[in-house]
């Protein structure tokens, strides 16, 4: 078989409702020199049969069937079979614009970059546009890329909406034991190897905020533990990199705030809330003095210390305001 230019890997699990939309969007790419690797991760529904059906219609499609092992294991299986010079990833409940990979490859070659990245639209379960990313297009050197990753921008953490040079994956562990933060960990190692990453603010990836996914299944303590484990891993790897450590510390602060906001007022996770609040207050001086800190964070510290009830009210008000401002860009979900 002639080597394709791009290999596109799609981990598939319980995706029969959305899978056809995903596959059709990939097959419609204006850049046709690609292979599509569908990894059926032991899905109990008709997803595996849908994959096989498409493979019978298009010779560019490969299907791997394996026992359920999670998205990271499925992605690793796809990468192991990939023949392309470049690698891309799409989640099975998402879809992409017809020219996404042509656009990413063009920008990568123009910039002589190792990673090319576009922006995304995000939709909720009702098909409303929750948000779309707005980031000015530019090239990032290695250190700048790692800093952006640690700030916590979704577009940097995700392995989707990107095109990678295949050589970056040599020696990089794709299975790291994380359930929700595996993309961030893999991207950390890939960004360390990349000389340059080019980012454009064109939104060509469509991210469906699936309420059934592990990431959206509600708060669980292990999610906070994984977030902290990721930060600690990077801190250990970068202990001499003084330009990155402040960004790692800020990511740690964000993980704590996320846990606090999800557990405040919860009877089930009252102990988690108290521990998180105490930890935030113990590093109050660091938070207030951090160059990424804003008045919002400083005010939040005062409220959780002296008036947590008001802090909770403000959180609810912000959530309601966010819902009112949703763009009504309806889609079929």
C-alpha atoms as a PDB file:
ATOM      1  CA  UNK A   1       0.000   0.000   0.000  1.00  0.00           C
ATOM      2  CA  UNK A   2       1.276   3.456  -0.907  1.00  0.00           C
ATOM      3  CA  UNK A   3       2.048   5.532   2.163  1.00  0.00           C
ATOM      4  CA  UNK A   4      -0.591   8.204   2.790  1.00  0.00           C
ATOM      5  CA  UNK A   5       0.398  11.764   3.582  1.00  0.00           C
ATOM      6  CA  UNK A   6      -1.751  11.967   6.735  1.00  0.00           C
ATOM      7  CA  UNK A   7      -3.036   9.363   9.158  1.00  0.00           C
ATOM      8  CA  UNK A   8      -6.213  10.341  11.045  1.00  0.00           C
ATOM      9  CA  UNK A   9      -6.952   8.301  14.178  1.00  0.00           C
ATOM     10  CA  UNK A  10     -10.443   8.128  15.699  1.00  0.00           C
ATOM     11  CA  UNK A  11     -10.954   6.204  18.982  1.00  0.00           C
ATOM     12  CA  UNK A  12     -14.512   4.852  18.986  1.00  0.00           C
ATOM     13  CA  UNK A  13     -16.596   3.863  21.996  1.00  0.00           C
ATOM     14  CA  UNK A  14     -20.385   4.064  22.395  1.00  0.00           C
ATOM     15  CA  UNK A  15     -20.554   6.488  19.506  1.00  0.00           C
ATOM     16  CA  UNK A  16     -23.243   5.046  17.219  1.00  0.00           C
ATOM     17  CA  UNK A  17     -25.374   8.189  17.571  1.00  0.00           C
ATOM     18  CA  UNK A  18     -22.632  10.534  16.350  1.00  0.00           C
ATOM     19  CA  UNK A  19     -20.130   8.348  14.497  1.00  0.00           C
ATOM     20  CA  UNK A  20     -21.502   8.744  10.977  1.00  0.00           C
ATOM     21  CA  UNK A  21     -21.341  12.524  11.252  1.00  0.00           C
ATOM     22  CA  UNK A  22     -17.713  12.272  12.349  1.00  0.00           C
ATOM     23  CA  UNK A  23     -16.656   9.856   9.605  1.00  0.00           C
ATOM     24  CA  UNK A  24     -18.495  11.739   6.848  1.00  0.00           C
ATOM     25  CA  UNK A  25     -16.775  14.978   7.820  1.00  0.00           C
ATOM     26  CA  UNK A  26     -13.365  13.293   7.529  1.00  0.00           C
ATOM     27  CA  UNK A  27     -14.131  11.620   4.215  1.00  0.00           C
ATOM     28  CA  UNK A  28     -15.207  15.022   2.857  1.00  0.00           C
ATOM     29  CA  UNK A  29     -11.729  16.529   3.358  1.00  0.00           C
ATOM     30  CA  UNK A  30     -10.423  18.595   0.458  1.00  0.00           C
ATOM     31  CA  UNK A  31      -7.024  16.985   1.077  1.00  0.00           C
ATOM     32  CA  UNK A  32      -7.748  13.417   0.023  1.00  0.00           C
ATOM     33  CA  UNK A  33      -4.329  11.819   0.581  1.00  0.00           C
ATOM     34  CA  UNK A  34      -5.011  10.333   3.996  1.00  0.00           C
ATOM     35  CA  UNK A  35      -5.842   7.115   5.771  1.00  0.00           C
ATOM     36  CA  UNK A  36      -8.574   6.979   8.411  1.00  0.00           C
ATOM     37  CA  UNK A  37      -7.928   4.574  11.288  1.00  0.00           C
ATOM     38  CA  UNK A  38     -11.065   3.780  13.286  1.00  0.00           C
ATOM     39  CA  UNK A  39     -10.275   2.043  16.582  1.00  0.00           C
ATOM     40  CA  UNK A  40     -13.311   0.246  17.973  1.00  0.00           C
ATOM     41  CA  UNK A  41     -12.478   0.147  21.677  1.00  0.00           C
ATOM     42  CA  UNK A  42     -14.793  -2.750  22.542  1.00  0.00           C
ATOM     43  CA  UNK A  43     -17.888  -0.631  22.044  1.00  0.00           C
ATOM     44  CA  UNK A  44     -21.060  -2.476  23.165  1.00  0.00           C
ATOM     45  CA  UNK A  45     -23.315  -0.697  20.654  1.00  0.00           C
ATOM     46  CA  UNK A  46     -23.287  -0.729  16.839  1.00  0.00           C
ATOM     47  CA  UNK A  47     -20.201   1.469  16.551  1.00  0.00           C
ATOM     48  CA  UNK A  48     -17.955  -1.405  15.461  1.00  0.00           C
ATOM     49  CA  UNK A  49     -20.401  -2.453  12.743  1.00  0.00           C
ATOM     50  CA  UNK A  50     -20.648   1.131  11.494  1.00  0.00           C
ATOM     51  CA  UNK A  51     -16.847   1.274  11.236  1.00  0.00           C
ATOM     52  CA  UNK A  52     -16.756  -1.966   9.236  1.00  0.00           C
ATOM     53  CA  UNK A  53     -19.506  -0.726   6.945  1.00  0.00           C
ATOM     54  CA  UNK A  54     -17.561   2.413   6.055  1.00  0.00           C
ATOM     55  CA  UNK A  55     -14.338   0.435   5.594  1.00  0.00           C
ATOM     56  CA  UNK A  56     -16.118  -1.682   2.995  1.00  0.00           C
ATOM     57  CA  UNK A  57     -16.968   1.462   1.035  1.00  0.00           C
ATOM     58  CA  UNK A  58     -13.687   3.382   1.180  1.00  0.00           C
ATOM     59  CA  UNK A  59     -10.237   1.803   0.876  1.00  0.00           C
ATOM     60  CA  UNK A  60      -8.665   4.639   2.847  1.00  0.00           C
ATOM     61  CA  UNK A  61     -10.311   3.348   6.023  1.00  0.00           C
ATOM     62  CA  UNK A  62      -8.735   0.828   8.399  1.00  0.00           C
ATOM     63  CA  UNK A  63     -10.638  -0.633  11.349  1.00  0.00           C
ATOM     64  CA  UNK A  64      -9.089  -2.013  14.523  1.00  0.00           C
ATOM     65  CA  UNK A  65     -11.272  -3.962  16.937  1.00  0.00           C
ATOM     66  CA  UNK A  66      -9.933  -4.386  20.477  1.00  0.00           C
ATOM     67  CA  UNK A  67     -11.095  -5.009  24.025  1.00  0.00           C
ATOM     68  CA  UNK A  68     -12.136  -1.900  25.892  1.00  0.00           C
ATOM     69  CA  UNK A  69      -9.086  -0.199  27.336  1.00  0.00           C
ATOM     70  CA  UNK A  70      -9.920   3.497  27.195  1.00  0.00           C
ATOM     71  CA  UNK A  71      -9.240   6.331  24.786  1.00  0.00           C
ATOM     72  CA  UNK A  72      -5.480   6.400  25.392  1.00  0.00           C
ATOM     73  CA  UNK A  73      -5.049   2.706  24.575  1.00  0.00           C
ATOM     74  CA  UNK A  74      -7.250   3.092  21.484  1.00  0.00           C
ATOM     75  CA  UNK A  75      -5.253   6.086  20.310  1.00  0.00           C
ATOM     76  CA  UNK A  76      -1.981   4.205  20.877  1.00  0.00           C
ATOM     77  CA  UNK A  77      -3.267   1.285  18.792  1.00  0.00           C
ATOM     78  CA  UNK A  78      -4.120   3.675  15.969  1.00  0.00           C
ATOM     79  CA  UNK A  79      -0.738   5.393  16.056  1.00  0.00           C
ATOM     80  CA  UNK A  80       1.017   2.008  15.948  1.00  0.00           C
ATOM     81  CA  UNK A  81      -0.788   1.222  12.678  1.00  0.00           C
ATOM     82  CA  UNK A  82      -0.377   4.684  11.149  1.00  0.00           C
ATOM     83  CA  UNK A  83       1.664   5.003   7.960  1.00  0.00           C
ATOM     84  CA  UNK A  84       1.345   8.721   7.311  1.00  0.00           C
ATOM     85  CA  UNK A  85       4.056  11.352   7.555  1.00  0.00           C
ATOM     86  CA  UNK A  86       1.655  13.435   9.635  1.00  0.00           C
ATOM     87  CA  UNK A  87      -0.833  12.480  12.356  1.00  0.00           C
ATOM     88  CA  UNK A  88      -4.202  13.921  13.314  1.00  0.00           C
ATOM     89  CA  UNK A  89      -6.866  12.917  15.836  1.00  0.00           C
ATOM     90  CA  UNK A  90     -10.633  13.383  15.939  1.00  0.00           C
ATOM     91  CA  UNK A  91     -12.990  12.280  18.710  1.00  0.00           C
ATOM     92  CA  UNK A  92     -15.863  10.122  17.503  1.00  0.00           C
ATOM     93  CA  UNK A  93     -18.610  12.496  18.681  1.00  0.00           C
ATOM     94  CA  UNK A  94     -16.990  15.542  17.040  1.00  0.00           C
ATOM     95  CA  UNK A  95     -16.666  16.640  13.419  1.00  0.00           C
ATOM     96  CA  UNK A  96     -14.428  18.868  11.305  1.00  0.00           C
ATOM     97  CA  UNK A  97     -14.657  21.386   8.477  1.00  0.00           C
ATOM     98  CA  UNK A  98     -13.950  20.015   4.971  1.00  0.00           C
ATOM     99  CA  UNK A  99     -10.682  21.937   4.607  1.00  0.00           C
ATOM    100  CA  UNK A 100      -9.306  21.479   8.133  1.00  0.00           C
ATOM    101  CA  UNK A 101      -6.392  19.178   7.325  1.00  0.00           C
ATOM    102  CA  UNK A 102      -5.502  20.980   4.100  1.00  0.00           C
ATOM    103  CA  UNK A 103      -5.424  24.219   6.104  1.00  0.00           C
ATOM    104  CA  UNK A 104      -3.332  22.759   8.942  1.00  0.00           C
ATOM    105  CA  UNK A 105      -0.795  21.211   6.574  1.00  0.00           C
ATOM    106  CA  UNK A 106      -0.480  24.416   4.550  1.00  0.00           C
ATOM    107  CA  UNK A 107       0.191  26.487   7.683  1.00  0.00           C
ATOM    108  CA  UNK A 108       2.640  23.917   9.030  1.00  0.00           C
ATOM    109  CA  UNK A 109       4.717  23.919   5.847  1.00  0.00           C
ATOM    110  CA  UNK A 110       4.596  27.710   5.505  1.00  0.00           C
ATOM    111  CA  UNK A 111       5.918  28.112   9.053  1.00  0.00           C
ATOM    112  CA  UNK A 112       8.275  25.119   9.064  1.00  0.00           C
ATOM    113  CA  UNK A 113       6.545  24.009  12.270  1.00  0.00           C
ATOM    114  CA  UNK A 114       6.268  20.546  13.840  1.00  0.00           C
ATOM    115  CA  UNK A 115       2.710  21.048  15.112  1.00  0.00           C
ATOM    116  CA  UNK A 116      -0.113  22.975  13.430  1.00  0.00           C
ATOM    117  CA  UNK A 117      -3.229  23.922  15.359  1.00  0.00           C
ATOM    118  CA  UNK A 118      -6.558  25.597  14.597  1.00  0.00           C
ATOM    119  CA  UNK A 119      -9.353  26.711  16.914  1.00  0.00           C
ATOM    120  CA  UNK A 120     -12.747  25.149  17.613  1.00  0.00           C
ATOM    121  CA  UNK A 121     -16.464  25.601  18.120  1.00  0.00           C
ATOM    122  CA  UNK A 122     -17.966  23.985  21.206  1.00  0.00           C
ATOM    123  CA  UNK A 123     -21.581  22.828  21.478  1.00  0.00           C
ATOM    124  CA  UNK A 124     -23.663  21.677  24.414  1.00  0.00           C
ATOM    125  CA  UNK A 125     -26.107  18.761  24.501  1.00  0.00           C
ATOM    126  CA  UNK A 126     -28.932  20.944  23.123  1.00  0.00           C
ATOM    127  CA  UNK A 127     -26.897  21.884  20.078  1.00  0.00           C
ATOM    128  CA  UNK A 128     -26.206  25.448  21.203  1.00  0.00           C
ATOM    129  CA  UNK A 129     -22.845  27.080  20.697  1.00  0.00           C
ATOM    130  CA  UNK A 130     -21.361  27.181  24.173  1.00  0.00           C
ATOM    131  CA  UNK A 131     -18.266  29.011  23.069  1.00  0.00           C
ATOM    132  CA  UNK A 132     -15.752  29.319  20.311  1.00  0.00           C
ATOM    133  CA  UNK A 133     -12.083  29.869  20.862  1.00  0.00           C
ATOM    134  CA  UNK A 134     -10.539  33.146  19.823  1.00  0.00           C
ATOM    135  CA  UNK A 135      -6.779  33.164  19.746  1.00  0.00           C
ATOM    136  CA  UNK A 136      -4.614  35.302  17.528  1.00  0.00           C
ATOM    137  CA  UNK A 137      -2.653  33.299  14.976  1.00  0.00           C
ATOM    138  CA  UNK A 138       1.089  33.125  15.551  1.00  0.00           C
ATOM    139  CA  UNK A 139       4.083  30.806  15.895  1.00  0.00           C
ATOM    140  CA  UNK A 140       5.255  29.615  19.303  1.00  0.00           C
ATOM    141  CA  UNK A 141       8.730  28.417  20.134  1.00  0.00           C
ATOM    142  CA  UNK A 142       9.174  25.403  22.428  1.00  0.00           C
ATOM    143  CA  UNK A 143       9.111  27.249  25.762  1.00  0.00           C
ATOM    144  CA  UNK A 144       6.188  29.454  24.745  1.00  0.00           C
ATOM    145  CA  UNK A 145       4.199  26.370  23.724  1.00  0.00           C
ATOM    146  CA  UNK A 146       4.770  24.697  27.072  1.00  0.00           C
ATOM    147  CA  UNK A 147       3.726  27.877  28.858  1.00  0.00           C
ATOM    148  CA  UNK A 148       0.474  27.972  26.889  1.00  0.00           C
ATOM    149  CA  UNK A 149      -0.208  24.336  27.754  1.00  0.00           C
ATOM    150  CA  UNK A 150       0.263  24.975  31.464  1.00  0.00           C
ATOM    151  CA  UNK A 151      -1.983  28.046  31.415  1.00  0.00           C
ATOM    152  CA  UNK A 152      -4.757  25.572  30.663  1.00  0.00           C
ATOM    153  CA  UNK A 153      -6.126  26.671  27.289  1.00  0.00           C
ATOM    154  CA  UNK A 154      -8.329  23.841  25.991  1.00  0.00           C
ATOM    155  CA  UNK A 155      -7.016  24.138  22.441  1.00  0.00           C
ATOM    156  CA  UNK A 156      -3.491  23.432  23.705  1.00  0.00           C
ATOM    157  CA  UNK A 157      -4.487  20.541  25.981  1.00  0.00           C
ATOM    158  CA  UNK A 158      -6.462  18.618  23.354  1.00  0.00           C
ATOM    159  CA  UNK A 159      -4.838  16.323  20.792  1.00  0.00           C
ATOM    160  CA  UNK A 160      -7.639  17.098  18.374  1.00  0.00           C
ATOM    161  CA  UNK A 161      -7.703  20.218  16.137  1.00  0.00           C
ATOM    162  CA  UNK A 162      -3.990  19.618  15.484  1.00  0.00           C
ATOM    163  CA  UNK A 163      -1.678  18.130  12.896  1.00  0.00           C
ATOM    164  CA  UNK A 164       1.595  16.602  14.139  1.00  0.00           C
ATOM    165  CA  UNK A 165       4.738  15.466  12.376  1.00  0.00           C
ATOM    166  CA  UNK A 166       4.837  11.707  12.865  1.00  0.00           C
ATOM    167  CA  UNK A 167       8.440  11.729  14.100  1.00  0.00           C
ATOM    168  CA  UNK A 168       7.426  13.560  17.301  1.00  0.00           C
ATOM    169  CA  UNK A 169       5.704  10.414  18.584  1.00  0.00           C
ATOM    170  CA  UNK A 170       8.879   8.325  18.649  1.00  0.00           C
ATOM    171  CA  UNK A 171       9.534   7.395  22.262  1.00  0.00           C
ATOM    172  CA  UNK A 172       6.509   9.282  23.624  1.00  0.00           C
ATOM    173  CA  UNK A 173       4.250   7.193  25.939  1.00  0.00           C
ATOM    174  CA  UNK A 174       0.644   7.494  24.796  1.00  0.00           C
ATOM    175  CA  UNK A 175      -0.720   5.566  27.777  1.00  0.00           C
ATOM    176  CA  UNK A 176      -0.092   7.366  31.049  1.00  0.00           C
ATOM    177  CA  UNK A 177      -2.759   6.012  33.384  1.00  0.00           C
ATOM    178  CA  UNK A 178      -4.858   9.184  33.349  1.00  0.00           C
ATOM    179  CA  UNK A 179      -8.535   9.031  32.480  1.00  0.00           C
ATOM    180  CA  UNK A 180      -9.354  12.672  31.747  1.00  0.00           C
ATOM    181  CA  UNK A 181      -5.997  14.390  31.459  1.00  0.00           C
ATOM    182  CA  UNK A 182      -4.207  11.999  29.123  1.00  0.00           C
ATOM    183  CA  UNK A 183      -4.194  14.514  26.255  1.00  0.00           C
ATOM    184  CA  UNK A 184      -2.409  17.149  28.336  1.00  0.00           C
ATOM    185  CA  UNK A 185       0.288  14.693  29.391  1.00  0.00           C
ATOM    186  CA  UNK A 186       0.920  13.458  25.845  1.00  0.00           C
ATOM    187  CA  UNK A 187       0.941  17.002  24.486  1.00  0.00           C
ATOM    188  CA  UNK A 188       3.470  17.992  27.116  1.00  0.00           C
ATOM    189  CA  UNK A 189       5.955  15.423  25.791  1.00  0.00           C
ATOM    190  CA  UNK A 190       5.187  16.274  22.161  1.00  0.00           C
ATOM    191  CA  UNK A 191       5.578  20.024  22.727  1.00  0.00           C
ATOM    192  CA  UNK A 192       8.914  19.394  24.438  1.00  0.00           C
ATOM    193  CA  UNK A 193      10.159  17.782  21.224  1.00  0.00           C
ATOM    194  CA  UNK A 194       8.605  20.254  18.793  1.00  0.00           C
ATOM    195  CA  UNK A 195      10.796  23.137  17.643  1.00  0.00           C
ATOM    196  CA  UNK A 196       7.829  25.293  16.751  1.00  0.00           C
ATOM    197  CA  UNK A 197       4.019  25.216  16.934  1.00  0.00           C
ATOM    198  CA  UNK A 198       1.885  27.340  14.626  1.00  0.00           C
ATOM    199  CA  UNK A 199      -1.576  28.345  15.883  1.00  0.00           C
ATOM    200  CA  UNK A 200      -4.296  29.980  13.797  1.00  0.00           C
ATOM    201  CA  UNK A 201      -7.544  31.439  15.073  1.00  0.00           C
ATOM    202  CA  UNK A 202      -9.662  29.861  12.329  1.00  0.00           C
ATOM    203  CA  UNK A 203     -12.239  27.617  14.050  1.00  0.00           C
ATOM    204  CA  UNK A 204     -12.401  24.442  11.963  1.00  0.00           C
ATOM    205  CA  UNK A 205     -12.957  21.779  14.622  1.00  0.00           C
ATOM    206  CA  UNK A 206     -16.419  21.165  16.106  1.00  0.00           C
ATOM    207  CA  UNK A 207     -16.305  19.883  19.672  1.00  0.00           C
ATOM    208  CA  UNK A 208     -19.492  18.309  21.018  1.00  0.00           C
ATOM    209  CA  UNK A 209     -19.636  18.614  24.792  1.00  0.00           C
ATOM    210  CA  UNK A 210     -21.033  15.117  25.258  1.00  0.00           C
ATOM    211  CA  UNK A 211     -22.744  14.833  28.676  1.00  0.00           C
ATOM    212  CA  UNK A 212     -22.046  11.082  28.663  1.00  0.00           C
ATOM    213  CA  UNK A 213     -18.268  11.486  28.524  1.00  0.00           C
ATOM    214  CA  UNK A 214     -16.083  10.879  31.589  1.00  0.00           C
ATOM    215  CA  UNK A 215     -14.978  14.494  31.542  1.00  0.00           C
ATOM    216  CA  UNK A 216     -18.572  15.720  31.882  1.00  0.00           C
ATOM    217  CA  UNK A 217     -19.899  13.120  34.318  1.00  0.00           C
ATOM    218  CA  UNK A 218     -19.858  15.455  37.321  1.00  0.00           C
ATOM    219  CA  UNK A 219     -17.259  16.026  39.979  1.00  0.00           C
ATOM    220  CA  UNK A 220     -15.182  13.141  41.291  1.00  0.00           C
ATOM    221  CA  UNK A 221     -12.100  13.533  43.530  1.00  0.00           C
ATOM    222  CA  UNK A 222      -9.944  11.517  41.145  1.00  0.00           C
ATOM    223  CA  UNK A 223     -10.276  14.285  38.541  1.00  0.00           C
ATOM    224  CA  UNK A 224      -8.597  16.736  40.902  1.00  0.00           C
ATOM    225  CA  UNK A 225      -5.990  14.130  41.815  1.00  0.00           C
ATOM    226  CA  UNK A 226      -5.188  13.608  38.122  1.00  0.00           C
ATOM    227  CA  UNK A 227      -4.900  17.346  37.543  1.00  0.00           C
ATOM    228  CA  UNK A 228      -2.428  17.658  40.406  1.00  0.00           C
ATOM    229  CA  UNK A 229      -0.521  14.562  39.242  1.00  0.00           C
ATOM    230  CA  UNK A 230      -0.065  16.143  35.808  1.00  0.00           C
ATOM    231  CA  UNK A 231       1.304  19.345  37.340  1.00  0.00           C
ATOM    232  CA  UNK A 232       3.669  17.394  39.609  1.00  0.00           C
ATOM    233  CA  UNK A 233       4.983  15.374  36.674  1.00  0.00           C
ATOM    234  CA  UNK A 234       5.789  18.518  34.702  1.00  0.00           C
ATOM    235  CA  UNK A 235       7.370  20.158  37.763  1.00  0.00           C
ATOM    236  CA  UNK A 236       9.640  17.134  38.217  1.00  0.00           C
ATOM    237  CA  UNK A 237      10.621  17.141  34.546  1.00  0.00           C
ATOM    238  CA  UNK A 238      11.157  20.904  34.467  1.00  0.00           C
ATOM    239  CA  UNK A 239      12.684  21.498  37.906  1.00  0.00           C
ATOM    240  CA  UNK A 240      15.491  23.594  36.406  1.00  0.00           C
ATOM    241  CA  UNK A 241      13.299  25.469  33.950  1.00  0.00           C
ATOM    242  CA  UNK A 242      12.640  28.667  35.892  1.00  0.00           C
ATOM    243  CA  UNK A 243      10.674  30.148  32.985  1.00  0.00           C
ATOM    244  CA  UNK A 244       8.077  27.371  33.141  1.00  0.00           C
ATOM    245  CA  UNK A 245       7.695  26.741  36.884  1.00  0.00           C
ATOM    246  CA  UNK A 246       5.429  29.791  37.515  1.00  0.00           C
ATOM    247  CA  UNK A 247       3.079  28.502  34.805  1.00  0.00           C
ATOM    248  CA  UNK A 248       3.022  25.075  36.460  1.00  0.00           C
ATOM    249  CA  UNK A 249       2.130  26.679  39.774  1.00  0.00           C
ATOM    250  CA  UNK A 250      -0.669  28.620  38.088  1.00  0.00           C
ATOM    251  CA  UNK A 251      -2.050  25.400  36.613  1.00  0.00           C
ATOM    252  CA  UNK A 252      -2.031  23.952  40.137  1.00  0.00           C
ATOM    253  CA  UNK A 253      -3.997  26.973  41.391  1.00  0.00           C
ATOM    254  CA  UNK A 254      -6.527  26.534  38.575  1.00  0.00           C
ATOM    255  CA  UNK A 255      -7.012  22.867  39.504  1.00  0.00           C
ATOM    256  CA  UNK A 256      -7.737  23.896  43.086  1.00  0.00           C
ATOM    257  CA  UNK A 257     -10.217  26.590  42.071  1.00  0.00           C
ATOM    258  CA  UNK A 258     -11.986  24.125  39.793  1.00  0.00           C
ATOM    259  CA  UNK A 259     -12.363  21.639  42.655  1.00  0.00           C
ATOM    260  CA  UNK A 260     -13.544  24.386  45.007  1.00  0.00           C
ATOM    261  CA  UNK A 261     -16.181  25.660  42.579  1.00  0.00           C
ATOM    262  CA  UNK A 262     -17.544  22.155  42.022  1.00  0.00           C
ATOM    263  CA  UNK A 263     -17.695  21.120  45.682  1.00  0.00           C
ATOM    264  CA  UNK A 264     -18.841  24.276  47.470  1.00  0.00           C
ATOM    265  CA  UNK A 265     -22.226  23.550  49.031  1.00  0.00           C
ATOM    266  CA  UNK A 266     -21.917  19.808  48.406  1.00  0.00           C
ATOM    267  CA  UNK A 267     -22.696  17.533  51.339  1.00  0.00           C
ATOM    268  CA  UNK A 268     -21.028  14.578  49.653  1.00  0.00           C
ATOM    269  CA  UNK A 269     -17.740  16.398  49.044  1.00  0.00           C
ATOM    270  CA  UNK A 270     -17.738  18.723  52.039  1.00  0.00           C
ATOM    271  CA  UNK A 271     -14.356  17.393  53.197  1.00  0.00           C
ATOM    272  CA  UNK A 272     -12.863  17.957  49.731  1.00  0.00           C
ATOM    273  CA  UNK A 273     -14.182  21.509  49.738  1.00  0.00           C
ATOM    274  CA  UNK A 274     -12.656  22.267  53.134  1.00  0.00           C
ATOM    275  CA  UNK A 275      -9.254  20.836  52.185  1.00  0.00           C
ATOM    276  CA  UNK A 276      -9.247  22.741  48.918  1.00  0.00           C
ATOM    277  CA  UNK A 277     -10.298  25.997  50.584  1.00  0.00           C
ATOM    278  CA  UNK A 278      -7.605  25.624  53.220  1.00  0.00           C
ATOM    279  CA  UNK A 279      -4.947  24.939  50.589  1.00  0.00           C
ATOM    280  CA  UNK A 280      -5.948  28.000  48.558  1.00  0.00           C
ATOM    281  CA  UNK A 281      -5.873  30.202  51.632  1.00  0.00           C
ATOM    282  CA  UNK A 282      -2.480  28.807  52.644  1.00  0.00           C
ATOM    283  CA  UNK A 283      -0.990  29.975  49.324  1.00  0.00           C
ATOM    284  CA  UNK A 284      -2.929  33.231  49.245  1.00  0.00           C
ATOM    285  CA  UNK A 285       0.217  35.330  49.019  1.00  0.00           C
ATOM    286  CA  UNK A 286       1.435  33.375  45.984  1.00  0.00           C
ATOM    287  CA  UNK A 287      -1.953  33.707  44.236  1.00  0.00           C
ATOM    288  CA  UNK A 288      -2.253  37.440  44.844  1.00  0.00           C
ATOM    289  CA  UNK A 289       1.317  38.069  43.698  1.00  0.00           C
ATOM    290  CA  UNK A 290       1.259  35.832  40.615  1.00  0.00           C
ATOM    291  CA  UNK A 291       1.633  37.721  37.336  1.00  0.00           C
ATOM    292  CA  UNK A 292      -1.322  35.790  35.870  1.00  0.00           C
ATOM    293  CA  UNK A 293      -3.610  36.599  38.796  1.00  0.00           C
ATOM    294  CA  UNK A 294      -6.543  38.970  38.348  1.00  0.00           C
ATOM    295  CA  UNK A 295      -8.927  40.789  40.641  1.00  0.00           C
ATOM    296  CA  UNK A 296     -11.349  37.892  40.264  1.00  0.00           C
ATOM    297  CA  UNK A 297      -8.940  35.500  41.972  1.00  0.00           C
ATOM    298  CA  UNK A 298      -8.028  37.959  44.709  1.00  0.00           C
ATOM    299  CA  UNK A 299     -11.685  38.740  45.444  1.00  0.00           C
ATOM    300  CA  UNK A 300     -12.457  35.031  45.430  1.00  0.00           C
ATOM    301  CA  UNK A 301      -9.925  34.448  48.182  1.00  0.00           C
ATOM    302  CA  UNK A 302     -11.556  37.075  50.365  1.00  0.00           C
ATOM    303  CA  UNK A 303     -15.013  35.645  49.831  1.00  0.00           C
ATOM    304  CA  UNK A 304     -14.151  32.001  50.490  1.00  0.00           C
ATOM    305  CA  UNK A 305     -12.473  33.063  53.718  1.00  0.00           C
ATOM    306  CA  UNK A 306     -15.049  35.509  55.059  1.00  0.00           C
ATOM    307  CA  UNK A 307     -18.264  34.960  53.105  1.00  0.00           C
ATOM    308  CA  UNK A 308     -18.395  31.619  51.257  1.00  0.00           C
ATOM    309  CA  UNK A 309     -22.185  31.880  50.896  1.00  0.00           C
ATOM    310  CA  UNK A 310     -21.799  35.018  48.774  1.00  0.00           C
ATOM    311  CA  UNK A 311     -19.055  33.333  46.725  1.00  0.00           C
ATOM    312  CA  UNK A 312     -21.478  30.492  45.970  1.00  0.00           C
ATOM    313  CA  UNK A 313     -24.229  32.954  44.980  1.00  0.00           C
ATOM    314  CA  UNK A 314     -21.867  34.731  42.598  1.00  0.00           C
ATOM    315  CA  UNK A 315     -20.906  31.399  41.025  1.00  0.00           C
ATOM    316  CA  UNK A 316     -24.576  30.645  40.348  1.00  0.00           C
ATOM    317  CA  UNK A 317     -25.138  34.112  38.926  1.00  0.00           C
ATOM    318  CA  UNK A 318     -22.176  33.702  36.586  1.00  0.00           C
ATOM    319  CA  UNK A 319     -23.505  30.327  35.417  1.00  0.00           C
ATOM    320  CA  UNK A 320     -26.969  31.767  34.700  1.00  0.00           C
ATOM    321  CA  UNK A 321     -25.480  34.708  32.838  1.00  0.00           C
ATOM    322  CA  UNK A 322     -23.363  32.355  30.761  1.00  0.00           C
ATOM    323  CA  UNK A 323     -26.462  30.350  29.802  1.00  0.00           C
ATOM    324  CA  UNK A 324     -28.307  33.512  28.772  1.00  0.00           C
ATOM    325  CA  UNK A 325     -25.467  34.536  26.501  1.00  0.00           C
ATOM    326  CA  UNK A 326     -25.260  31.226  24.653  1.00  0.00           C
ATOM    327  CA  UNK A 327     -25.235  31.721  20.923  1.00  0.00           C
ATOM    328  CA  UNK A 328     -28.229  29.914  19.440  1.00  0.00           C
ATOM    329  CA  UNK A 329     -26.336  28.182  16.671  1.00  0.00           C
ATOM    330  CA  UNK A 330     -28.447  25.041  16.550  1.00  0.00           C
ATOM    331  CA  UNK A 331     -27.046  21.742  15.312  1.00  0.00           C
ATOM    332  CA  UNK A 332     -28.304  18.178  15.141  1.00  0.00           C
ATOM    333  CA  UNK A 333     -27.005  16.202  18.129  1.00  0.00           C
END
